[in-house]
């Protein structure tokens, strides 16, 4: 259902969808999205 907007990755870490805004990705390089995951990991 979300094809083209979200890949529903096994690990939702923002790598595959960087820059996809609109969509479910993070803005630009996706660095801020990934930083959320990295800080917890």
ModelCIF file with pLDDT and N, C-alpha, C, O atoms, coordinates in Angstrom:
data_MODEL
#
_entry.id   MODEL 
#
_entity.id                         1 
_entity.type                       polymer 
_entity.pdbx_number_of_molecules   1 
#
_entity_poly.entity_id                      1 
_entity_poly.type                           'polypeptide(L)' 
_entity_poly.nstd_linkage                   no 
_entity_poly.nstd_monomer                   no 
_entity_poly.pdbx_seq_one_letter_code       
;(UNK)(UNK)(UNK)(UNK)(UNK)(UNK)(UNK)(UNK)(UNK)(UNK)(UNK)(UNK)(UNK)(UNK)(UNK)(UNK)
(UNK)(UNK)(UNK)(UNK)(UNK)(UNK)(UNK)(UNK)(UNK)(UNK)(UNK)(UNK)(UNK)(UNK)(UNK)(UNK)
(UNK)(UNK)(UNK)(UNK)(UNK)(UNK)(UNK)(UNK)(UNK)
;
_entity_poly.pdbx_seq_one_letter_code_can   XXXXXXXXXXXXXXXXXXXXXXXXXXXXXXXXXXXXXXXXX 
_entity_poly.pdbx_strand_id                 A 
#
loop_
_entity_poly_seq.entity_id 
_entity_poly_seq.num 
_entity_poly_seq.mon_id 
_entity_poly_seq.hetero 
1 1  UNK n 
1 2  UNK n 
1 3  UNK n 
1 4  UNK n 
1 5  UNK n 
1 6  UNK n 
1 7  UNK n 
1 8  UNK n 
1 9  UNK n 
1 10 UNK n 
1 11 UNK n 
1 12 UNK n 
1 13 UNK n 
1 14 UNK n 
1 15 UNK n 
1 16 UNK n 
1 17 UNK n 
1 18 UNK n 
1 19 UNK n 
1 20 UNK n 
1 21 UNK n 
1 22 UNK n 
1 23 UNK n 
1 24 UNK n 
1 25 UNK n 
1 26 UNK n 
1 27 UNK n 
1 28 UNK n 
1 29 UNK n 
1 30 UNK n 
1 31 UNK n 
1 32 UNK n 
1 33 UNK n 
1 34 UNK n 
1 35 UNK n 
1 36 UNK n 
1 37 UNK n 
1 38 UNK n 
1 39 UNK n 
1 40 UNK n 
1 41 UNK n 
#
_struct_asym.id          A 
_struct_asym.entity_id   1 
#
loop_
_ma_qa_metric.id 
_ma_qa_metric.mode 
_ma_qa_metric.name 
_ma_qa_metric.software_group_id 
_ma_qa_metric.type 
1 global pLDDT . pLDDT 
2 local  pLDDT . pLDDT 
#
_ma_qa_metric_global.metric_id      1 
_ma_qa_metric_global.metric_value   95.46 
_ma_qa_metric_global.model_id       1 
_ma_qa_metric_global.ordinal_id     1 
#
loop_
_ma_qa_metric_local.label_asym_id 
_ma_qa_metric_local.label_comp_id 
_ma_qa_metric_local.label_seq_id 
_ma_qa_metric_local.metric_id 
_ma_qa_metric_local.metric_value 
_ma_qa_metric_local.model_id 
_ma_qa_metric_local.ordinal_id 
A UNK 1  2 97.00 1 1  
A UNK 2  2 96.00 1 2  
A UNK 3  2 95.00 1 3  
A UNK 4  2 94.00 1 4  
A UNK 5  2 95.00 1 5  
A UNK 6  2 96.00 1 6  
A UNK 7  2 96.00 1 7  
A UNK 8  2 97.00 1 8  
A UNK 9  2 96.00 1 9  
A UNK 10 2 94.00 1 10 
A UNK 11 2 92.00 1 11 
A UNK 12 2 95.00 1 12 
A UNK 13 2 94.00 1 13 
A UNK 14 2 95.00 1 14 
A UNK 15 2 94.00 1 15 
A UNK 16 2 95.00 1 16 
A UNK 17 2 96.00 1 17 
A UNK 18 2 96.00 1 18 
A UNK 19 2 94.00 1 19 
A UNK 20 2 95.00 1 20 
A UNK 21 2 91.00 1 21 
A UNK 22 2 90.00 1 22 
A UNK 23 2 93.00 1 23 
A UNK 24 2 95.00 1 24 
A UNK 25 2 95.00 1 25 
A UNK 26 2 95.00 1 26 
A UNK 27 2 94.00 1 27 
A UNK 28 2 95.00 1 28 
A UNK 29 2 97.00 1 29 
A UNK 30 2 97.00 1 30 
A UNK 31 2 97.00 1 31 
A UNK 32 2 97.00 1 32 
A UNK 33 2 97.00 1 33 
A UNK 34 2 97.00 1 34 
A UNK 35 2 98.00 1 35 
A UNK 36 2 98.00 1 36 
A UNK 37 2 97.00 1 37 
A UNK 38 2 97.00 1 38 
A UNK 39 2 97.00 1 39 
A UNK 40 2 98.00 1 40 
A UNK 41 2 97.00 1 41 
#
loop_
_atom_site.group_PDB 
_atom_site.id 
_atom_site.type_symbol 
_atom_site.label_atom_id 
_atom_site.label_alt_id 
_atom_site.label_comp_id 
_atom_site.label_asym_id 
_atom_site.label_entity_id 
_atom_site.label_seq_id 
_atom_site.pdbx_PDB_ins_code 
_atom_site.Cartn_x 
_atom_site.Cartn_y 
_atom_site.Cartn_z 
_atom_site.occupancy 
_atom_site.B_iso_or_equiv 
_atom_site.pdbx_formal_charge 
_atom_site.auth_seq_id 
_atom_site.auth_comp_id 
_atom_site.auth_asym_id 
_atom_site.auth_atom_id 
_atom_site.pdbx_PDB_model_num 
ATOM 1   N N  . UNK A 1 1  ? 0.813  -1.219 0.000  1.00 97.00 ? 1  UNK A N  1 
ATOM 2   C CA . UNK A 1 1  ? 0.000  0.000  0.000  1.00 97.00 ? 1  UNK A CA 1 
ATOM 3   C C  . UNK A 1 1  ? 0.847  1.270  0.000  1.00 97.00 ? 1  UNK A C  1 
ATOM 4   O O  . UNK A 1 1  ? 0.404  2.308  -0.490 1.00 97.00 ? 1  UNK A O  1 
ATOM 5   N N  . UNK A 1 2  ? 2.053  1.197  0.540  1.00 96.00 ? 2  UNK A N  1 
ATOM 6   C CA . UNK A 1 2  ? 2.902  2.378  0.656  1.00 96.00 ? 2  UNK A CA 1 
ATOM 7   C C  . UNK A 1 2  ? 3.991  2.423  -0.418 1.00 96.00 ? 2  UNK A C  1 
ATOM 8   O O  . UNK A 1 2  ? 4.927  3.217  -0.320 1.00 96.00 ? 2  UNK A O  1 
ATOM 9   N N  . UNK A 1 3  ? 3.873  1.590  -1.420 1.00 95.00 ? 3  UNK A N  1 
ATOM 10  C CA . UNK A 1 3  ? 4.892  1.514  -2.469 1.00 95.00 ? 3  UNK A CA 1 
ATOM 11  C C  . UNK A 1 3  ? 5.127  2.888  -3.089 1.00 95.00 ? 3  UNK A C  1 
ATOM 12  O O  . UNK A 1 3  ? 4.186  3.579  -3.480 1.00 95.00 ? 3  UNK A O  1 
ATOM 13  N N  . UNK A 1 4  ? 6.400  3.268  -3.169 1.00 94.00 ? 4  UNK A N  1 
ATOM 14  C CA . UNK A 1 4  ? 6.747  4.572  -3.708 1.00 94.00 ? 4  UNK A CA 1 
ATOM 15  C C  . UNK A 1 4  ? 6.844  5.650  -2.658 1.00 94.00 ? 4  UNK A C  1 
ATOM 16  O O  . UNK A 1 4  ? 7.300  6.757  -2.941 1.00 94.00 ? 4  UNK A O  1 
ATOM 17  N N  . UNK A 1 5  ? 6.415  5.335  -1.430 1.00 95.00 ? 5  UNK A N  1 
ATOM 18  C CA . UNK A 1 5  ? 6.432  6.306  -0.336 1.00 95.00 ? 5  UNK A CA 1 
ATOM 19  C C  . UNK A 1 5  ? 7.189  5.783  0.888  1.00 95.00 ? 5  UNK A C  1 
ATOM 20  O O  . UNK A 1 5  ? 7.803  6.558  1.621  1.00 95.00 ? 5  UNK A O  1 
ATOM 21  N N  . UNK A 1 6  ? 7.141  4.479  1.101  1.00 96.00 ? 6  UNK A N  1 
ATOM 22  C CA . UNK A 1 6  ? 7.846  3.839  2.208  1.00 96.00 ? 6  UNK A CA 1 
ATOM 23  C C  . UNK A 1 6  ? 8.106  2.397  1.808  1.00 96.00 ? 6  UNK A C  1 
ATOM 24  O O  . UNK A 1 6  ? 7.208  1.706  1.326  1.00 96.00 ? 6  UNK A O  1 
ATOM 25  N N  . UNK A 1 7  ? 9.342  1.946  2.010  1.00 96.00 ? 7  UNK A N  1 
ATOM 26  C CA . UNK A 1 7  ? 9.706  0.585  1.611  1.00 96.00 ? 7  UNK A CA 1 
ATOM 27  C C  . UNK A 1 7  ? 9.427  -0.433 2.717  1.00 96.00 ? 7  UNK A C  1 
ATOM 28  O O  . UNK A 1 7  ? 9.578  -1.636 2.508  1.00 96.00 ? 7  UNK A O  1 
ATOM 29  N N  . UNK A 1 8  ? 9.020  0.050  3.891  1.00 97.00 ? 8  UNK A N  1 
ATOM 30  C CA . UNK A 1 8  ? 8.788  -0.815 5.043  1.00 97.00 ? 8  UNK A CA 1 
ATOM 31  C C  . UNK A 1 8  ? 10.009 -1.734 5.225  1.00 97.00 ? 8  UNK A C  1 
ATOM 32  O O  . UNK A 1 8  ? 9.896  -2.960 5.220  1.00 97.00 ? 8  UNK A O  1 
ATOM 33  N N  . UNK A 1 9  ? 11.139 -1.115 5.380  1.00 96.00 ? 9  UNK A N  1 
ATOM 34  C CA . UNK A 1 9  ? 12.409 -1.834 5.491  1.00 96.00 ? 9  UNK A CA 1 
ATOM 35  C C  . UNK A 1 9  ? 12.440 -2.708 6.744  1.00 96.00 ? 9  UNK A C  1 
ATOM 36  O O  . UNK A 1 9  ? 11.782 -2.389 7.734  1.00 96.00 ? 9  UNK A O  1 
ATOM 37  N N  . UNK A 1 10 ? 13.197 -3.807 6.713  1.00 94.00 ? 10 UNK A N  1 
ATOM 38  C CA . UNK A 1 10 ? 13.342 -4.640 7.905  1.00 94.00 ? 10 UNK A CA 1 
ATOM 39  C C  . UNK A 1 10 ? 13.845 -3.845 9.108  1.00 94.00 ? 10 UNK A C  1 
ATOM 40  O O  . UNK A 1 10 ? 13.420 -4.079 10.240 1.00 94.00 ? 10 UNK A O  1 
ATOM 41  N N  . UNK A 1 11 ? 14.758 -2.900 8.850  1.00 92.00 ? 11 UNK A N  1 
ATOM 42  C CA . UNK A 1 11 ? 15.208 -1.960 9.882  1.00 92.00 ? 11 UNK A CA 1 
ATOM 43  C C  . UNK A 1 11 ? 14.891 -0.558 9.384  1.00 92.00 ? 11 UNK A C  1 
ATOM 44  O O  . UNK A 1 11 ? 15.461 -0.103 8.392  1.00 92.00 ? 11 UNK A O  1 
ATOM 45  N N  . UNK A 1 12 ? 13.982 0.128  10.072 1.00 95.00 ? 12 UNK A N  1 
ATOM 46  C CA . UNK A 1 12 ? 13.559 1.467  9.658  1.00 95.00 ? 12 UNK A CA 1 
ATOM 47  C C  . UNK A 1 12 ? 14.573 2.479  10.185 1.00 95.00 ? 12 UNK A C  1 
ATOM 48  O O  . UNK A 1 12 ? 14.431 3.002  11.290 1.00 95.00 ? 12 UNK A O  1 
ATOM 49  N N  . UNK A 1 13 ? 15.620 2.750  9.357  1.00 94.00 ? 13 UNK A N  1 
ATOM 50  C CA . UNK A 1 13 ? 16.702 3.614  9.814  1.00 94.00 ? 13 UNK A CA 1 
ATOM 51  C C  . UNK A 1 13 ? 16.949 4.823  8.916  1.00 94.00 ? 13 UNK A C  1 
ATOM 52  O O  . UNK A 1 13 ? 17.911 5.559  9.133  1.00 94.00 ? 13 UNK A O  1 
ATOM 53  N N  . UNK A 1 14 ? 16.108 5.039  7.923  1.00 95.00 ? 14 UNK A N  1 
ATOM 54  C CA . UNK A 1 14 ? 16.204 6.231  7.104  1.00 95.00 ? 14 UNK A CA 1 
ATOM 55  C C  . UNK A 1 14 ? 17.226 6.187  5.992  1.00 95.00 ? 14 UNK A C  1 
ATOM 56  O O  . UNK A 1 14 ? 17.393 7.181  5.284  1.00 95.00 ? 14 UNK A O  1 
ATOM 57  N N  . UNK A 1 15 ? 17.920 5.073  5.808  1.00 94.00 ? 15 UNK A N  1 
ATOM 58  C CA . UNK A 1 15 ? 18.962 5.017  4.781  1.00 94.00 ? 15 UNK A CA 1 
ATOM 59  C C  . UNK A 1 15 ? 18.368 4.957  3.378  1.00 94.00 ? 15 UNK A C  1 
ATOM 60  O O  . UNK A 1 15 ? 18.841 5.646  2.475  1.00 94.00 ? 15 UNK A O  1 
ATOM 61  N N  . UNK A 1 16 ? 17.350 4.149  3.192  1.00 95.00 ? 16 UNK A N  1 
ATOM 62  C CA . UNK A 1 16 ? 16.791 3.959  1.848  1.00 95.00 ? 16 UNK A CA 1 
ATOM 63  C C  . UNK A 1 16 ? 15.908 5.113  1.409  1.00 95.00 ? 16 UNK A C  1 
ATOM 64  O O  . UNK A 1 16 ? 15.653 5.274  0.215  1.00 95.00 ? 16 UNK A O  1 
ATOM 65  N N  . UNK A 1 17 ? 15.433 5.923  2.357  1.00 96.00 ? 17 UNK A N  1 
ATOM 66  C CA . UNK A 1 17 ? 14.456 6.967  2.025  1.00 96.00 ? 17 UNK A CA 1 
ATOM 67  C C  . UNK A 1 17 ? 14.995 8.367  2.283  1.00 96.00 ? 17 UNK A C  1 
ATOM 68  O O  . UNK A 1 17 ? 14.214 9.311  2.402  1.00 96.00 ? 17 UNK A O  1 
ATOM 69  N N  . UNK A 1 18 ? 16.321 8.523  2.371  1.00 96.00 ? 18 UNK A N  1 
ATOM 70  C CA . UNK A 1 18 ? 16.907 9.834  2.632  1.00 96.00 ? 18 UNK A CA 1 
ATOM 71  C C  . UNK A 1 18 ? 16.447 10.852 1.600  1.00 96.00 ? 18 UNK A C  1 
ATOM 72  O O  . UNK A 1 18 ? 16.511 10.595 0.398  1.00 96.00 ? 18 UNK A O  1 
ATOM 73  N N  . UNK A 1 19 ? 15.989 11.988 2.061  1.00 94.00 ? 19 UNK A N  1 
ATOM 74  C CA . UNK A 1 19 ? 15.555 13.064 1.174  1.00 94.00 ? 19 UNK A CA 1 
ATOM 75  C C  . UNK A 1 19 ? 14.143 12.935 0.666  1.00 94.00 ? 19 UNK A C  1 
ATOM 76  O O  . UNK A 1 19 ? 13.665 13.826 -0.037 1.00 94.00 ? 19 UNK A O  1 
ATOM 77  N N  . UNK A 1 20 ? 13.455 11.859 0.994  1.00 95.00 ? 20 UNK A N  1 
ATOM 78  C CA . UNK A 1 20 ? 12.106 11.634 0.457  1.00 95.00 ? 20 UNK A CA 1 
ATOM 79  C C  . UNK A 1 20 ? 11.061 12.290 1.359  1.00 95.00 ? 20 UNK A C  1 
ATOM 80  O O  . UNK A 1 20 ? 10.392 11.636 2.160  1.00 95.00 ? 20 UNK A O  1 
ATOM 81  N N  . UNK A 1 21 ? 10.949 13.607 1.193  1.00 91.00 ? 21 UNK A N  1 
ATOM 82  C CA . UNK A 1 21 ? 9.950  14.417 1.880  1.00 91.00 ? 21 UNK A CA 1 
ATOM 83  C C  . UNK A 1 21 ? 9.280  15.285 0.822  1.00 91.00 ? 21 UNK A C  1 
ATOM 84  O O  . UNK A 1 21 ? 9.969  16.126 0.245  1.00 91.00 ? 21 UNK A O  1 
ATOM 85  N N  . UNK A 1 22 ? 7.961  15.142 0.515  1.00 90.00 ? 22 UNK A N  1 
ATOM 86  C CA . UNK A 1 22 ? 7.004  14.215 1.129  1.00 90.00 ? 22 UNK A CA 1 
ATOM 87  C C  . UNK A 1 22 ? 7.424  12.753 0.956  1.00 90.00 ? 22 UNK A C  1 
ATOM 88  O O  . UNK A 1 22 ? 8.287  12.414 0.146  1.00 90.00 ? 22 UNK A O  1 
ATOM 89  N N  . UNK A 1 23 ? 6.786  11.927 1.739  1.00 93.00 ? 23 UNK A N  1 
ATOM 90  C CA . UNK A 1 23 ? 7.181  10.547 1.892  1.00 93.00 ? 23 UNK A CA 1 
ATOM 91  C C  . UNK A 1 23 ? 7.461  10.317 3.355  1.00 93.00 ? 23 UNK A C  1 
ATOM 92  O O  . UNK A 1 23 ? 7.030  11.099 4.203  1.00 93.00 ? 23 UNK A O  1 
ATOM 93  N N  . UNK A 1 24 ? 8.182  9.250  3.665  1.00 95.00 ? 24 UNK A N  1 
ATOM 94  C CA . UNK A 1 24 ? 8.433  8.920  5.063  1.00 95.00 ? 24 UNK A CA 1 
ATOM 95  C C  . UNK A 1 24 ? 9.898  9.099  5.452  1.00 95.00 ? 24 UNK A C  1 
ATOM 96  O O  . UNK A 1 24 ? 10.309 8.684  6.536  1.00 95.00 ? 24 UNK A O  1 
ATOM 97  N N  . UNK A 1 25 ? 10.687 9.716  4.570  1.00 95.00 ? 25 UNK A N  1 
ATOM 98  C CA . UNK A 1 25 ? 12.111 9.849  4.829  1.00 95.00 ? 25 UNK A CA 1 
ATOM 99  C C  . UNK A 1 25 ? 12.478 11.060 5.644  1.00 95.00 ? 25 UNK A C  1 
ATOM 100 O O  . UNK A 1 25 ? 11.619 11.811 6.106  1.00 95.00 ? 25 UNK A O  1 
ATOM 101 N N  . UNK A 1 26 ? 13.789 11.238 5.814  1.00 95.00 ? 26 UNK A N  1 
ATOM 102 C CA . UNK A 1 26 ? 14.314 12.404 6.483  1.00 95.00 ? 26 UNK A CA 1 
ATOM 103 C C  . UNK A 1 26 ? 14.720 13.459 5.473  1.00 95.00 ? 26 UNK A C  1 
ATOM 104 O O  . UNK A 1 26 ? 15.008 13.148 4.317  1.00 95.00 ? 26 UNK A O  1 
ATOM 105 N N  . UNK A 1 27 ? 14.743 14.709 5.914  1.00 94.00 ? 27 UNK A N  1 
ATOM 106 C CA . UNK A 1 27 ? 15.066 15.815 5.024  1.00 94.00 ? 27 UNK A CA 1 
ATOM 107 C C  . UNK A 1 27 ? 16.522 15.741 4.557  1.00 94.00 ? 27 UNK A C  1 
ATOM 108 O O  . UNK A 1 27 ? 17.400 15.314 5.307  1.00 94.00 ? 27 UNK A O  1 
ATOM 109 N N  . UNK A 1 28 ? 16.768 16.156 3.328  1.00 95.00 ? 28 UNK A N  1 
ATOM 110 C CA . UNK A 1 28 ? 18.126 16.287 2.817  1.00 95.00 ? 28 UNK A CA 1 
ATOM 111 C C  . UNK A 1 28 ? 18.886 14.977 2.802  1.00 95.00 ? 28 UNK A C  1 
ATOM 112 O O  . UNK A 1 28 ? 18.468 14.018 2.152  1.00 95.00 ? 28 UNK A O  1 
ATOM 113 N N  . UNK A 1 29 ? 20.002 14.931 3.518  1.00 97.00 ? 29 UNK A N  1 
ATOM 114 C CA . UNK A 1 29 ? 20.818 13.726 3.562  1.00 97.00 ? 29 UNK A CA 1 
ATOM 115 C C  . UNK A 1 29 ? 20.211 12.638 4.427  1.00 97.00 ? 29 UNK A C  1 
ATOM 116 O O  . UNK A 1 29 ? 20.668 11.495 4.397  1.00 97.00 ? 29 UNK A O  1 
ATOM 117 N N  . UNK A 1 30 ? 19.188 12.977 5.195  1.00 97.00 ? 30 UNK A N  1 
ATOM 118 C CA . UNK A 1 30 ? 18.604 12.022 6.137  1.00 97.00 ? 30 UNK A CA 1 
ATOM 119 C C  . UNK A 1 30 ? 19.418 11.878 7.411  1.00 97.00 ? 30 UNK A C  1 
ATOM 120 O O  . UNK A 1 30 ? 19.163 10.976 8.210  1.00 97.00 ? 30 UNK A O  1 
ATOM 121 N N  . UNK A 1 31 ? 20.397 12.756 7.612  1.00 97.00 ? 31 UNK A N  1 
ATOM 122 C CA . UNK A 1 31 ? 21.287 12.660 8.770  1.00 97.00 ? 31 UNK A CA 1 
ATOM 123 C C  . UNK A 1 31 ? 20.533 12.734 10.088 1.00 97.00 ? 31 UNK A C  1 
ATOM 124 O O  . UNK A 1 31 ? 20.823 11.972 11.010 1.00 97.00 ? 31 UNK A O  1 
ATOM 125 N N  . UNK A 1 32 ? 19.568 13.643 10.188 1.00 97.00 ? 32 UNK A N  1 
ATOM 126 C CA . UNK A 1 32 ? 18.843 13.816 11.454 1.00 97.00 ? 32 UNK A CA 1 
ATOM 127 C C  . UNK A 1 32 ? 17.978 12.598 11.765 1.00 97.00 ? 32 UNK A C  1 
ATOM 128 O O  . UNK A 1 32 ? 17.857 12.200 12.924 1.00 97.00 ? 32 UNK A O  1 
ATOM 129 N N  . UNK A 1 33 ? 17.378 12.006 10.734 1.00 97.00 ? 33 UNK A N  1 
ATOM 130 C CA . UNK A 1 33 ? 16.615 10.769 10.903 1.00 97.00 ? 33 UNK A CA 1 
ATOM 131 C C  . UNK A 1 33 ? 17.544 9.691  11.463 1.00 97.00 ? 33 UNK A C  1 
ATOM 132 O O  . UNK A 1 33 ? 17.230 9.059  12.472 1.00 97.00 ? 33 UNK A O  1 
ATOM 133 N N  . UNK A 1 34 ? 18.686 9.484  10.807 1.00 97.00 ? 34 UNK A N  1 
ATOM 134 C CA . UNK A 1 34 ? 19.607 8.437  11.232 1.00 97.00 ? 34 UNK A CA 1 
ATOM 135 C C  . UNK A 1 34 ? 20.182 8.708  12.627 1.00 97.00 ? 34 UNK A C  1 
ATOM 136 O O  . UNK A 1 34 ? 20.443 7.776  13.388 1.00 97.00 ? 34 UNK A O  1 
ATOM 137 N N  . UNK A 1 35 ? 20.375 9.985  12.952 1.00 98.00 ? 35 UNK A N  1 
ATOM 138 C CA . UNK A 1 35 ? 20.933 10.332 14.260 1.00 98.00 ? 35 UNK A CA 1 
ATOM 139 C C  . UNK A 1 35 ? 20.032 9.850  15.391 1.00 98.00 ? 35 UNK A C  1 
ATOM 140 O O  . UNK A 1 35 ? 20.520 9.466  16.454 1.00 98.00 ? 35 UNK A O  1 
ATOM 141 N N  . UNK A 1 36 ? 18.728 9.868  15.169 1.00 98.00 ? 36 UNK A N  1 
ATOM 142 C CA . UNK A 1 36 ? 17.808 9.358  16.189 1.00 98.00 ? 36 UNK A CA 1 
ATOM 143 C C  . UNK A 1 36 ? 18.080 7.881  16.477 1.00 98.00 ? 36 UNK A C  1 
ATOM 144 O O  . UNK A 1 36 ? 18.148 7.465  17.634 1.00 98.00 ? 36 UNK A O  1 
ATOM 145 N N  . UNK A 1 37 ? 18.234 7.102  15.420 1.00 97.00 ? 37 UNK A N  1 
ATOM 146 C CA . UNK A 1 37 ? 18.497 5.671  15.580 1.00 97.00 ? 37 UNK A CA 1 
ATOM 147 C C  . UNK A 1 37 ? 19.883 5.422  16.168 1.00 97.00 ? 37 UNK A C  1 
ATOM 148 O O  . UNK A 1 37 ? 20.047 4.578  17.049 1.00 97.00 ? 37 UNK A O  1 
ATOM 149 N N  . UNK A 1 38 ? 20.866 6.152  15.682 1.00 97.00 ? 38 UNK A N  1 
ATOM 150 C CA . UNK A 1 38 ? 22.242 5.948  16.119 1.00 97.00 ? 38 UNK A CA 1 
ATOM 151 C C  . UNK A 1 38 ? 22.424 6.277  17.592 1.00 97.00 ? 38 UNK A C  1 
ATOM 152 O O  . UNK A 1 38 ? 23.162 5.589  18.299 1.00 97.00 ? 38 UNK A O  1 
ATOM 153 N N  . UNK A 1 39 ? 21.755 7.324  18.056 1.00 97.00 ? 39 UNK A N  1 
ATOM 154 C CA . UNK A 1 39 ? 21.888 7.717  19.461 1.00 97.00 ? 39 UNK A CA 1 
ATOM 155 C C  . UNK A 1 39 ? 21.351 6.630  20.387 1.00 97.00 ? 39 UNK A C  1 
ATOM 156 O O  . UNK A 1 39 ? 21.925 6.373  21.446 1.00 97.00 ? 39 UNK A O  1 
ATOM 157 N N  . UNK A 1 40 ? 20.265 6.001  19.995 1.00 98.00 ? 40 UNK A N  1 
ATOM 158 C CA . UNK A 1 40 ? 19.712 4.918  20.815 1.00 98.00 ? 40 UNK A CA 1 
ATOM 159 C C  . UNK A 1 40 ? 20.547 3.646  20.688 1.00 98.00 ? 40 UNK A C  1 
ATOM 160 O O  . UNK A 1 40 ? 20.758 2.938  21.673 1.00 98.00 ? 40 UNK A O  1 
ATOM 161 N N  . UNK A 1 41 ? 21.020 3.357  19.484 1.00 97.00 ? 41 UNK A N  1 
ATOM 162 C CA . UNK A 1 41 ? 21.800 2.136  19.267 1.00 97.00 ? 41 UNK A CA 1 
ATOM 163 C C  . UNK A 1 41 ? 23.115 2.157  20.033 1.00 97.00 ? 41 UNK A C  1 
ATOM 164 O O  . UNK A 1 41 ? 23.888 1.203  19.957 1.00 97.00 ? 41 UNK A O  1 
#
